[in-house]
Protein backbone atom coordinates (compact mmCIF):
# COMPACT_ATOMS: atom_id res chain seq x y z
CA MET A 1 120.33 158.72 127.44
CA LYS A 2 122.57 161.70 128.04
CA VAL A 3 124.69 162.81 125.10
CA ARG A 4 128.32 162.63 126.12
CA ASN A 5 131.27 164.45 124.63
CA LEU A 6 134.16 162.79 122.86
CA ARG A 7 136.59 163.39 125.72
CA ASP A 8 134.35 161.52 128.18
CA ILE A 9 133.92 158.62 125.81
CA THR A 10 137.65 158.26 125.10
CA THR A 11 138.45 158.53 128.81
CA ASP A 12 135.98 155.75 129.55
CA ILE A 13 137.48 153.63 126.76
CA ASP A 14 140.98 154.05 128.20
CA GLU A 15 139.81 153.19 131.72
CA LYS A 16 137.82 150.16 130.60
CA ARG A 17 140.73 148.88 128.48
CA ASP A 18 143.06 149.16 131.48
CA GLU A 19 140.50 147.38 133.66
CA MET A 20 140.15 144.59 131.10
CA ILE A 21 143.93 144.12 130.90
CA ARG A 22 144.25 143.96 134.71
CA THR A 23 141.37 141.49 134.93
CA ALA A 24 142.86 139.30 132.20
CA GLN A 25 146.26 139.29 133.91
CA LYS A 26 144.70 138.35 137.24
CA TYR A 27 142.04 135.84 136.18
CA GLY A 28 142.86 134.90 132.58
CA TYR A 29 141.38 135.76 129.20
CA LEU A 30 138.40 133.41 129.43
CA HIS A 31 137.25 134.42 132.91
CA GLU A 32 133.73 135.81 133.18
CA SER A 33 135.01 139.17 134.52
CA THR A 34 137.43 139.59 131.63
CA ILE A 35 134.76 138.78 129.07
CA LYS A 36 132.35 141.25 130.73
CA SER A 37 135.03 143.98 130.64
CA SER A 38 135.65 143.20 126.98
CA GLN A 39 131.95 143.46 126.17
CA ASP A 40 131.70 146.76 128.05
CA LEU A 41 134.71 148.02 126.09
CA ASP A 42 133.01 146.97 122.83
CA GLU A 43 129.96 149.04 123.79
CA LEU A 44 132.12 152.09 124.50
CA ILE A 45 133.94 151.71 121.19
CA ASN A 46 130.59 151.46 119.41
CA GLU A 47 129.47 154.63 121.19
CA TYR A 48 132.69 156.35 120.01
CA LEU A 49 132.14 155.24 116.41
CA LEU A 50 128.51 156.37 116.46
CA TYR A 51 129.53 159.75 117.90
CA THR A 52 132.23 160.34 115.28
CA ARG A 53 129.90 159.23 112.46
CA ARG A 54 127.24 161.70 113.63
CA GLN A 55 129.80 164.50 113.76
CA HIS A 56 130.95 163.67 110.22
CA ASN A 57 127.36 163.64 108.96
CA ARG A 58 126.67 167.01 110.58
CA LYS A 59 129.73 168.54 108.94
CA LYS A 60 128.80 167.03 105.59
CA ALA A 61 125.24 168.37 105.86
CA PHE A 62 126.58 171.83 106.71
CA PHE A 63 129.02 171.84 103.78
CA ASP A 64 126.36 170.54 101.39
CA MET A 65 124.06 173.36 102.50
CA ALA A 66 126.86 175.93 102.16
CA LYS A 67 127.80 174.60 98.73
CA GLY A 68 124.19 174.89 97.55
CA TYR A 69 123.91 178.41 98.96
CA CYS A 70 127.15 179.56 97.29
CA SER A 71 126.10 177.98 94.00
CA ARG A 72 122.77 179.79 94.05
CA LEU A 73 124.38 183.04 95.14
CA LEU A 74 127.11 183.05 92.52
CA GLY A 75 125.53 180.82 89.88
CA LYS A 76 128.47 178.42 89.92
CA ARG A 77 129.16 174.93 91.17
CA PHE A 78 131.57 174.67 94.08
CA LYS A 79 133.54 171.67 95.09
CA ILE A 80 133.83 171.56 98.87
CA SER A 81 135.29 168.49 100.50
CA ILE A 82 135.63 167.61 104.16
């Protein structure tokens, strides 16, 4: 699976949400097409959440490493928050 950037994911979410709304207005909320669009939207939102969680974890790992390095270098404890 190709790693996508946040802009692509959010664009796809916006497009799928619009598609789902149009489908619901045309066929109703319980129509098979509307439900499929909703499920596709759920998958995109999950992809977004996974992406943002990974980015947060990368930043946290970097700051933890930097904090440890600064502590060893200066012999002090640093409080770095993200």
